[in-house]
Amino acid sequence: MAKERFQEFNERKNNDKCLDDTVNERKRLTDEEARLEIKKLLGPIEISHVKSLPKVKRNEVLRKVKAIEGVSLRQAGRIFGVSINLIFKA
């Protein structure tokens, strides 16, 4: 009896979501999409000028970029031409 109940339980359909499934649902932007979002955020500041901004201003900009949904730290580093550690520490 227990074996049958166990088998029925294991074969029962459900709508459970695993943690791995929720990770894949996160929206990731392509580099081009990320670049467009960053340009919107920067306004008149050119992407290439960000790394030469004074440290306080640069970090302020990088913190805002980190808040953009779908932009990874590695991706932001590539776009700005800076290390991922600089993005992480901002």
PDB file of N, CA and C in Angstrom:
ATOM      1  N   MET A   1       0.823  -1.198   0.000  1.00  0.00           N
ATOM      2  CA  MET A   1       0.000   0.000   0.000  1.00  0.00           C
ATOM      3  C   MET A   1       0.867   1.261   0.000  1.00  0.00           C
ATOM      4  N   ALA A   2       1.894   1.284   0.814  1.00  0.00           N
ATOM      5  CA  ALA A   2       2.762   2.461   0.888  1.00  0.00           C
ATOM      6  C   ALA A   2       3.495   2.683  -0.429  1.00  0.00           C
ATOM      7  N   LYS A   3       3.924   1.601  -1.079  1.00  0.00           N
ATOM      8  CA  LYS A   3       4.631   1.724  -2.351  1.00  0.00           C
ATOM      9  C   LYS A   3       3.731   2.365  -3.401  1.00  0.00           C
ATOM     10  N   GLU A   4       2.484   1.952  -3.451  1.00  0.00           N
ATOM     11  CA  GLU A   4       1.553   2.497  -4.425  1.00  0.00           C
ATOM     12  C   GLU A   4       1.293   3.980  -4.162  1.00  0.00           C
ATOM     13  N   ARG A   5       1.129   4.336  -2.908  1.00  0.00           N
ATOM     14  CA  ARG A   5       0.888   5.744  -2.562  1.00  0.00           C
ATOM     15  C   ARG A   5       2.119   6.595  -2.889  1.00  0.00           C
ATOM     16  N   PHE A   6       3.308   6.046  -2.626  1.00  0.00           N
ATOM     17  CA  PHE A   6       4.546   6.749  -2.934  1.00  0.00           C
ATOM     18  C   PHE A   6       4.683   6.959  -4.446  1.00  0.00           C
ATOM     19  N   GLN A   7       4.387   5.923  -5.208  1.00  0.00           N
ATOM     20  CA  GLN A   7       4.475   6.018  -6.664  1.00  0.00           C
ATOM     21  C   GLN A   7       3.467   7.041  -7.181  1.00  0.00           C
ATOM     22  N   GLU A   8       2.254   7.011  -6.667  1.00  0.00           N
ATOM     23  CA  GLU A   8       1.221   7.960  -7.090  1.00  0.00           C
ATOM     24  C   GLU A   8       1.653   9.389  -6.770  1.00  0.00           C
ATOM     25  N   PHE A   9       2.232   9.581  -5.595  1.00  0.00           N
ATOM     26  CA  PHE A   9       2.706  10.904  -5.192  1.00  0.00           C
ATOM     27  C   PHE A   9       3.794  11.410  -6.143  1.00  0.00           C
ATOM     28  N   ASN A  10       4.742  10.576  -6.478  1.00  0.00           N
ATOM     29  CA  ASN A  10       5.855  10.959  -7.344  1.00  0.00           C
ATOM     30  C   ASN A  10       5.429  11.208  -8.785  1.00  0.00           C
ATOM     31  N   GLU A  11       4.386  10.578  -9.225  1.00  0.00           N
ATOM     32  CA  GLU A  11       3.944  10.727 -10.605  1.00  0.00           C
ATOM     33  C   GLU A  11       2.869  11.800 -10.772  1.00  0.00           C
ATOM     34  N   ARG A  12       2.422  12.363  -9.675  1.00  0.00           N
ATOM     35  CA  ARG A  12       1.386  13.385  -9.712  1.00  0.00           C
ATOM     36  C   ARG A  12       1.921  14.663 -10.366  1.00  0.00           C
ATOM     37  N   LYS A  13       1.129  15.254 -11.248  1.00  0.00           N
ATOM     38  CA  LYS A  13       1.499  16.516 -11.901  1.00  0.00           C
ATOM     39  C   LYS A  13       1.325  17.659 -10.907  1.00  0.00           C
ATOM     40  N   ASN A  14       2.229  18.651 -10.986  1.00  0.00           N
ATOM     41  CA  ASN A  14       2.098  19.830 -10.132  1.00  0.00           C
ATOM     42  C   ASN A  14       2.663  21.044 -10.863  1.00  0.00           C
ATOM     43  N   ASN A  15       2.475  22.197 -10.272  1.00  0.00           N
ATOM     44  CA  ASN A  15       2.955  23.449 -10.859  1.00  0.00           C
ATOM     45  C   ASN A  15       4.128  24.025 -10.079  1.00  0.00           C
ATOM     46  N   ASP A  16       4.841  23.168  -9.366  1.00  0.00           N
ATOM     47  CA  ASP A  16       5.982  23.636  -8.577  1.00  0.00           C
ATOM     48  C   ASP A  16       7.049  24.222  -9.489  1.00  0.00           C
ATOM     49  N   LYS A  17       7.736  25.235  -8.979  1.00  0.00           N
ATOM     50  CA  LYS A  17       8.855  25.833  -9.716  1.00  0.00           C
ATOM     51  C   LYS A  17      10.112  25.622  -8.898  1.00  0.00           C
ATOM     52  N   CYS A  18      11.131  25.175  -9.565  1.00  0.00           N
ATOM     53  CA  CYS A  18      12.422  25.000  -8.914  1.00  0.00           C
ATOM     54  C   CYS A  18      13.193  26.310  -8.984  1.00  0.00           C
ATOM     55  N   LEU A  19      14.178  26.461  -8.116  1.00  0.00           N
ATOM     56  CA  LEU A  19      14.985  27.672  -8.133  1.00  0.00           C
ATOM     57  C   LEU A  19      15.660  27.862  -9.480  1.00  0.00           C
ATOM     58  N   ASP A  20      16.106  26.796 -10.102  1.00  0.00           N
ATOM     59  CA  ASP A  20      16.757  26.893 -11.404  1.00  0.00           C
ATOM     60  C   ASP A  20      15.816  27.492 -12.445  1.00  0.00           C
ATOM     61  N   ASP A  21      14.546  27.182 -12.362  1.00  0.00           N
ATOM     62  CA  ASP A  21      13.571  27.705 -13.311  1.00  0.00           C
ATOM     63  C   ASP A  21      13.409  29.213 -13.168  1.00  0.00           C
ATOM     64  N   THR A  22      13.424  29.715 -11.933  1.00  0.00           N
ATOM     65  CA  THR A  22      13.228  31.147 -11.722  1.00  0.00           C
ATOM     66  C   THR A  22      14.438  31.932 -12.181  1.00  0.00           C
ATOM     67  N   VAL A  23      15.626  31.364 -12.108  1.00  0.00           N
ATOM     68  CA  VAL A  23      16.825  32.048 -12.590  1.00  0.00           C
ATOM     69  C   VAL A  23      16.720  32.285 -14.085  1.00  0.00           C
ATOM     70  N   ASN A  24      16.236  31.311 -14.807  1.00  0.00           N
ATOM     71  CA  ASN A  24      16.121  31.429 -16.259  1.00  0.00           C
ATOM     72  C   ASN A  24      15.061  32.427 -16.684  1.00  0.00           C
ATOM     73  N   GLU A  25      14.158  32.774 -15.795  1.00  0.00           N
ATOM     74  CA  GLU A  25      13.099  33.715 -16.134  1.00  0.00           C
ATOM     75  C   GLU A  25      13.569  35.162 -16.067  1.00  0.00           C
ATOM     76  N   ARG A  26      14.733  35.397 -15.451  1.00  0.00           N
ATOM     77  CA  ARG A  26      15.231  36.759 -15.376  1.00  0.00           C
ATOM     78  C   ARG A  26      15.519  37.284 -16.771  1.00  0.00           C
ATOM     79  N   LYS A  27      15.149  38.502 -16.981  1.00  0.00           N
ATOM     80  CA  LYS A  27      15.336  39.134 -18.281  1.00  0.00           C
ATOM     81  C   LYS A  27      16.796  39.559 -18.414  1.00  0.00           C
ATOM     82  N   ARG A  28      17.450  39.129 -19.463  1.00  0.00           N
ATOM     83  CA  ARG A  28      18.816  39.538 -19.772  1.00  0.00           C
ATOM     84  C   ARG A  28      18.788  40.342 -21.060  1.00  0.00           C
ATOM     85  N   LEU A  29      19.426  41.495 -21.027  1.00  0.00           N
ATOM     86  CA  LEU A  29      19.496  42.330 -22.211  1.00  0.00           C
ATOM     87  C   LEU A  29      20.718  41.955 -23.036  1.00  0.00           C
ATOM     88  N   THR A  30      20.607  42.110 -24.342  1.00  0.00           N
ATOM     89  CA  THR A  30      21.780  41.949 -25.190  1.00  0.00           C
ATOM     90  C   THR A  30      22.684  43.155 -24.937  1.00  0.00           C
ATOM     91  N   ASP A  31      23.927  43.084 -25.388  1.00  0.00           N
ATOM     92  CA  ASP A  31      24.829  44.225 -25.208  1.00  0.00           C
ATOM     93  C   ASP A  31      24.270  45.479 -25.879  1.00  0.00           C
ATOM     94  N   GLU A  32      23.680  45.316 -27.038  1.00  0.00           N
ATOM     95  CA  GLU A  32      23.124  46.480 -27.745  1.00  0.00           C
ATOM     96  C   GLU A  32      21.932  47.067 -26.979  1.00  0.00           C
ATOM     97  N   GLU A  33      21.057  46.212 -26.473  1.00  0.00           N
ATOM     98  CA  GLU A  33      19.922  46.694 -25.670  1.00  0.00           C
ATOM     99  C   GLU A  33      20.421  47.381 -24.407  1.00  0.00           C
ATOM    100  N   ALA A  34      21.421  46.778 -23.770  1.00  0.00           N
ATOM    101  CA  ALA A  34      21.998  47.361 -22.551  1.00  0.00           C
ATOM    102  C   ALA A  34      22.617  48.717 -22.856  1.00  0.00           C
ATOM    103  N   ARG A  35      23.334  48.806 -23.963  1.00  0.00           N
ATOM    104  CA  ARG A  35      23.961  50.068 -24.376  1.00  0.00           C
ATOM    105  C   ARG A  35      22.898  51.158 -24.567  1.00  0.00           C
ATOM    106  N   LEU A  36      21.774  50.814 -25.177  1.00  0.00           N
ATOM    107  CA  LEU A  36      20.692  51.790 -25.372  1.00  0.00           C
ATOM    108  C   LEU A  36      20.103  52.255 -24.040  1.00  0.00           C
ATOM    109  N   GLU A  37      19.896  51.306 -23.132  1.00  0.00           N
ATOM    110  CA  GLU A  37      19.367  51.654 -21.805  1.00  0.00           C
ATOM    111  C   GLU A  37      20.346  52.551 -21.052  1.00  0.00           C
ATOM    112  N   ILE A  38      21.624  52.246 -21.155  1.00  0.00           N
ATOM    113  CA  ILE A  38      22.651  53.048 -20.475  1.00  0.00           C
ATOM    114  C   ILE A  38      22.701  54.453 -21.068  1.00  0.00           C
ATOM    115  N   LYS A  39      22.598  54.552 -22.394  1.00  0.00           N
ATOM    116  CA  LYS A  39      22.603  55.871 -23.042  1.00  0.00           C
ATOM    117  C   LYS A  39      21.426  56.714 -22.557  1.00  0.00           C
ATOM    118  N   LYS A  40      20.252  56.080 -22.405  1.00  0.00           N
ATOM    119  CA  LYS A  40      19.080  56.796 -21.882  1.00  0.00           C
ATOM    120  C   LYS A  40      19.366  57.323 -20.486  1.00  0.00           C
ATOM    121  N   LEU A  41      19.991  56.498 -19.674  1.00  0.00           N
ATOM    122  CA  LEU A  41      20.292  56.853 -18.290  1.00  0.00           C
ATOM    123  C   LEU A  41      21.320  57.991 -18.219  1.00  0.00           C
ATOM    124  N   LEU A  42      22.325  57.953 -19.090  1.00  0.00           N
ATOM    125  CA  LEU A  42      23.413  58.927 -19.047  1.00  0.00           C
ATOM    126  C   LEU A  42      23.022  60.301 -19.568  1.00  0.00           C
ATOM    127  N   GLY A  43      22.030  60.349 -20.445  1.00  0.00           N
ATOM    128  CA  GLY A  43      21.648  61.637 -21.030  1.00  0.00           C
ATOM    129  C   GLY A  43      22.777  62.187 -21.878  1.00  0.00           C
ATOM    130  N   PRO A  44      23.276  63.401 -21.542  1.00  0.00           N
ATOM    131  CA  PRO A  44      24.306  64.032 -22.383  1.00  0.00           C
ATOM    132  C   PRO A  44      25.716  63.435 -22.227  1.00  0.00           C
ATOM    133  N   ILE A  45      25.938  62.623 -21.222  1.00  0.00           N
ATOM    134  CA  ILE A  45      27.264  62.044 -20.992  1.00  0.00           C
ATOM    135  C   ILE A  45      27.481  60.876 -21.953  1.00  0.00           C
ATOM    136  N   GLU A  46      28.609  60.879 -22.633  1.00  0.00           N
ATOM    137  CA  GLU A  46      28.960  59.781 -23.538  1.00  0.00           C
ATOM    138  C   GLU A  46      29.467  58.589 -22.728  1.00  0.00           C
ATOM    139  N   ILE A  47      29.139  57.384 -23.182  1.00  0.00           N
ATOM    140  CA  ILE A  47      29.590  56.163 -22.504  1.00  0.00           C
ATOM    141  C   ILE A  47      31.110  56.171 -22.346  1.00  0.00           C
ATOM    142  N   SER A  48      31.820  56.568 -23.371  1.00  0.00           N
ATOM    143  CA  SER A  48      33.282  56.542 -23.339  1.00  0.00           C
ATOM    144  C   SER A  48      33.875  57.528 -22.332  1.00  0.00           C
ATOM    145  N   HIS A  49      33.102  58.516 -21.892  1.00  0.00           N
ATOM    146  CA  HIS A  49      33.596  59.516 -20.940  1.00  0.00           C
ATOM    147  C   HIS A  49      33.397  59.111 -19.485  1.00  0.00           C
ATOM    148  N   VAL A  50      32.600  58.097 -19.240  1.00  0.00           N
ATOM    149  CA  VAL A  50      32.268  57.722 -17.867  1.00  0.00           C
ATOM    150  C   VAL A  50      33.510  57.337 -17.071  1.00  0.00           C
ATOM    151  N   LYS A  51      34.419  56.565 -17.675  1.00  0.00           N
ATOM    152  CA  LYS A  51      35.585  56.118 -16.904  1.00  0.00           C
ATOM    153  C   LYS A  51      36.541  57.253 -16.559  1.00  0.00           C
ATOM    154  N   SER A  52      36.418  58.406 -17.218  1.00  0.00           N
ATOM    155  CA  SER A  52      37.283  59.539 -16.887  1.00  0.00           C
ATOM    156  C   SER A  52      36.590  60.576 -16.002  1.00  0.00           C
ATOM    157  N   LEU A  53      35.364  60.295 -15.584  1.00  0.00           N
ATOM    158  CA  LEU A  53      34.666  61.192 -14.659  1.00  0.00           C
ATOM    159  C   LEU A  53      35.352  61.148 -13.296  1.00  0.00           C
ATOM    160  N   PRO A  54      35.170  62.210 -12.492  1.00  0.00           N
ATOM    161  CA  PRO A  54      35.684  62.135 -11.111  1.00  0.00           C
ATOM    162  C   PRO A  54      35.085  60.908 -10.412  1.00  0.00           C
ATOM    163  N   LYS A  55      35.850  60.304  -9.536  1.00  0.00           N
ATOM    164  CA  LYS A  55      35.478  59.027  -8.907  1.00  0.00           C
ATOM    165  C   LYS A  55      34.067  59.042  -8.319  1.00  0.00           C
ATOM    166  N   VAL A  56      33.721  60.091  -7.604  1.00  0.00           N
ATOM    167  CA  VAL A  56      32.399  60.153  -6.956  1.00  0.00           C
ATOM    168  C   VAL A  56      31.284  60.139  -8.012  1.00  0.00           C
ATOM    169  N   LYS A  57      31.440  60.952  -9.048  1.00  0.00           N
ATOM    170  CA  LYS A  57      30.425  61.014 -10.112  1.00  0.00           C
ATOM    171  C   LYS A  57      30.375  59.700 -10.882  1.00  0.00           C
ATOM    172  N   ARG A  58      31.573  59.146 -11.201  1.00  0.00           N
ATOM    173  CA  ARG A  58      31.646  57.870 -11.928  1.00  0.00           C
ATOM    174  C   ARG A  58      30.920  56.776 -11.155  1.00  0.00           C
ATOM    175  N   ASN A  59      31.185  56.675  -9.861  1.00  0.00           N
ATOM    176  CA  ASN A  59      30.545  55.641  -9.051  1.00  0.00           C
ATOM    177  C   ASN A  59      29.038  55.840  -8.947  1.00  0.00           C
ATOM    178  N   GLU A  60      28.618  57.090  -8.919  1.00  0.00           N
ATOM    179  CA  GLU A  60      27.178  57.386  -8.893  1.00  0.00           C
ATOM    180  C   GLU A  60      26.523  56.859 -10.173  1.00  0.00           C
ATOM    181  N   VAL A  61      27.160  57.124 -11.305  1.00  0.00           N
ATOM    182  CA  VAL A  61      26.652  56.645 -12.592  1.00  0.00           C
ATOM    183  C   VAL A  61      26.639  55.118 -12.617  1.00  0.00           C
ATOM    184  N   LEU A  62      27.724  54.500 -12.183  1.00  0.00           N
ATOM    185  CA  LEU A  62      27.814  53.036 -12.213  1.00  0.00           C
ATOM    186  C   LEU A  62      26.771  52.390 -11.299  1.00  0.00           C
ATOM    187  N   ARG A  63      26.483  53.008 -10.161  1.00  0.00           N
ATOM    188  CA  ARG A  63      25.435  52.465  -9.275  1.00  0.00           C
ATOM    189  C   ARG A  63      24.075  52.498  -9.966  1.00  0.00           C
ATOM    190  N   LYS A  64      23.807  53.563 -10.709  1.00  0.00           N
ATOM    191  CA  LYS A  64      22.542  53.661 -11.441  1.00  0.00           C
ATOM    192  C   LYS A  64      22.471  52.596 -12.533  1.00  0.00           C
ATOM    193  N   VAL A  65      23.602  52.362 -13.192  1.00  0.00           N
ATOM    194  CA  VAL A  65      23.653  51.358 -14.253  1.00  0.00           C
ATOM    195  C   VAL A  65      23.421  49.968 -13.657  1.00  0.00           C
ATOM    196  N   LYS A  66      23.991  49.696 -12.488  1.00  0.00           N
ATOM    197  CA  LYS A  66      23.793  48.384 -11.842  1.00  0.00           C
ATOM    198  C   LYS A  66      22.324  48.138 -11.526  1.00  0.00           C
ATOM    199  N   ALA A  67      21.562  49.202 -11.370  1.00  0.00           N
ATOM    200  CA  ALA A  67      20.137  49.061 -11.033  1.00  0.00           C
ATOM    201  C   ALA A  67      19.267  48.765 -12.251  1.00  0.00           C
ATOM    202  N   ILE A  68      19.835  48.858 -13.446  1.00  0.00           N
ATOM    203  CA  ILE A  68      19.051  48.570 -14.654  1.00  0.00           C
ATOM    204  C   ILE A  68      18.800  47.068 -14.724  1.00  0.00           C
ATOM    205  N   GLU A  69      17.547  46.681 -14.753  1.00  0.00           N
ATOM    206  CA  GLU A  69      17.198  45.264 -14.806  1.00  0.00           C
ATOM    207  C   GLU A  69      17.660  44.654 -16.122  1.00  0.00           C
ATOM    208  N   GLY A  70      18.360  43.534 -16.011  1.00  0.00           N
ATOM    209  CA  GLY A  70      18.797  42.821 -17.196  1.00  0.00           C
ATOM    210  C   GLY A  70      20.224  43.106 -17.623  1.00  0.00           C
ATOM    211  N   VAL A  71      20.895  44.038 -16.932  1.00  0.00           N
ATOM    212  CA  VAL A  71      22.290  44.354 -17.245  1.00  0.00           C
ATOM    213  C   VAL A  71      23.170  43.708 -16.185  1.00  0.00           C
ATOM    214  N   SER A  72      24.068  42.827 -16.614  1.00  0.00           N
ATOM    215  CA  SER A  72      24.968  42.165 -15.667  1.00  0.00           C
ATOM    216  C   SER A  72      26.194  43.043 -15.415  1.00  0.00           C
ATOM    217  N   LEU A  73      26.891  42.767 -14.331  1.00  0.00           N
ATOM    218  CA  LEU A  73      28.105  43.512 -14.009  1.00  0.00           C
ATOM    219  C   LEU A  73      29.153  43.328 -15.109  1.00  0.00           C
ATOM    220  N   ARG A  74      29.301  42.106 -15.562  1.00  0.00           N
ATOM    221  CA  ARG A  74      30.278  41.814 -16.611  1.00  0.00           C
ATOM    222  C   ARG A  74      29.941  42.591 -17.888  1.00  0.00           C
ATOM    223  N   GLN A  75      28.669  42.621 -18.210  1.00  0.00           N
ATOM    224  CA  GLN A  75      28.206  43.330 -19.402  1.00  0.00           C
ATOM    225  C   GLN A  75      28.486  44.834 -19.274  1.00  0.00           C
ATOM    226  N   ALA A  76      28.188  45.400 -18.110  1.00  0.00           N
ATOM    227  CA  ALA A  76      28.443  46.827 -17.881  1.00  0.00           C
ATOM    228  C   ALA A  76      29.935  47.119 -18.008  1.00  0.00           C
ATOM    229  N   GLY A  77      30.765  46.235 -17.474  1.00  0.00           N
ATOM    230  CA  GLY A  77      32.208  46.400 -17.597  1.00  0.00           C
ATOM    231  C   GLY A  77      32.657  46.424 -19.047  1.00  0.00           C
ATOM    232  N   ARG A  78      32.107  45.510 -19.846  1.00  0.00           N
ATOM    233  CA  ARG A  78      32.436  45.474 -21.277  1.00  0.00           C
ATOM    234  C   ARG A  78      32.040  46.771 -21.972  1.00  0.00           C
ATOM    235  N   ILE A  79      30.839  47.240 -21.679  1.00  0.00           N
ATOM    236  CA  ILE A  79      30.316  48.434 -22.339  1.00  0.00           C
ATOM    237  C   ILE A  79      31.129  49.675 -21.974  1.00  0.00           C
ATOM    238  N   PHE A  80      31.500  49.794 -20.702  1.00  0.00           N
ATOM    239  CA  PHE A  80      32.262  50.964 -20.255  1.00  0.00           C
ATOM    240  C   PHE A  80      33.766  50.816 -20.447  1.00  0.00           C
ATOM    241  N   GLY A  81      34.217  49.598 -20.712  1.00  0.00           N
ATOM    242  CA  GLY A  81      35.653  49.382 -20.874  1.00  0.00           C
ATOM    243  C   GLY A  81      36.400  49.443 -19.556  1.00  0.00           C
ATOM    244  N   VAL A  82      35.741  48.979 -18.486  1.00  0.00           N
ATOM    245  CA  VAL A  82      36.359  48.951 -17.160  1.00  0.00           C
ATOM    246  C   VAL A  82      36.244  47.537 -16.590  1.00  0.00           C
ATOM    247  N   SER A  83      36.957  47.303 -15.503  1.00  0.00           N
ATOM    248  CA  SER A  83      36.920  45.971 -14.909  1.00  0.00           C
ATOM    249  C   SER A  83      35.598  45.725 -14.196  1.00  0.00           C
ATOM    250  N   ILE A  84      35.245  44.480 -14.082  1.00  0.00           N
ATOM    251  CA  ILE A  84      34.026  44.099 -13.370  1.00  0.00           C
ATOM    252  C   ILE A  84      34.131  44.502 -11.891  1.00  0.00           C
ATOM    253  N   ASN A  85      35.353  44.471 -11.358  1.00  0.00           N
ATOM    254  CA  ASN A  85      35.551  44.866  -9.946  1.00  0.00           C
ATOM    255  C   ASN A  85      35.197  46.330  -9.725  1.00  0.00           C
ATOM    256  N   LEU A  86      35.514  47.179 -10.682  1.00  0.00           N
ATOM    257  CA  LEU A  86      35.174  48.594 -10.553  1.00  0.00           C
ATOM    258  C   LEU A  86      33.652  48.761 -10.512  1.00  0.00           C
ATOM    259  N   ILE A  87      32.963  48.030 -11.349  1.00  0.00           N
ATOM    260  CA  ILE A  87      31.495  48.077 -11.370  1.00  0.00           C
ATOM    261  C   ILE A  87      30.957  47.553 -10.036  1.00  0.00           C
ATOM    262  N   PHE A  88      31.505  46.431  -9.593  1.00  0.00           N
ATOM    263  CA  PHE A  88      31.042  45.802  -8.361  1.00  0.00           C
ATOM    264  C   PHE A  88      31.219  46.729  -7.151  1.00  0.00           C
ATOM    265  N   LYS A  89      32.356  47.406  -7.076  1.00  0.00           N
ATOM    266  CA  LYS A  89      32.680  48.240  -5.917  1.00  0.00           C
ATOM    267  C   LYS A  89      31.962  49.580  -5.925  1.00  0.00           C
ATOM    268  N   ALA A  90      31.431  49.985  -7.058  1.00  0.00           N
ATOM    269  CA  ALA A  90      30.786  51.314  -7.158  1.00  0.00           C
ATOM    270  C   ALA A  90      29.588  51.423  -6.252  1.00  0.00           C
TER     271      ALA A  90
END
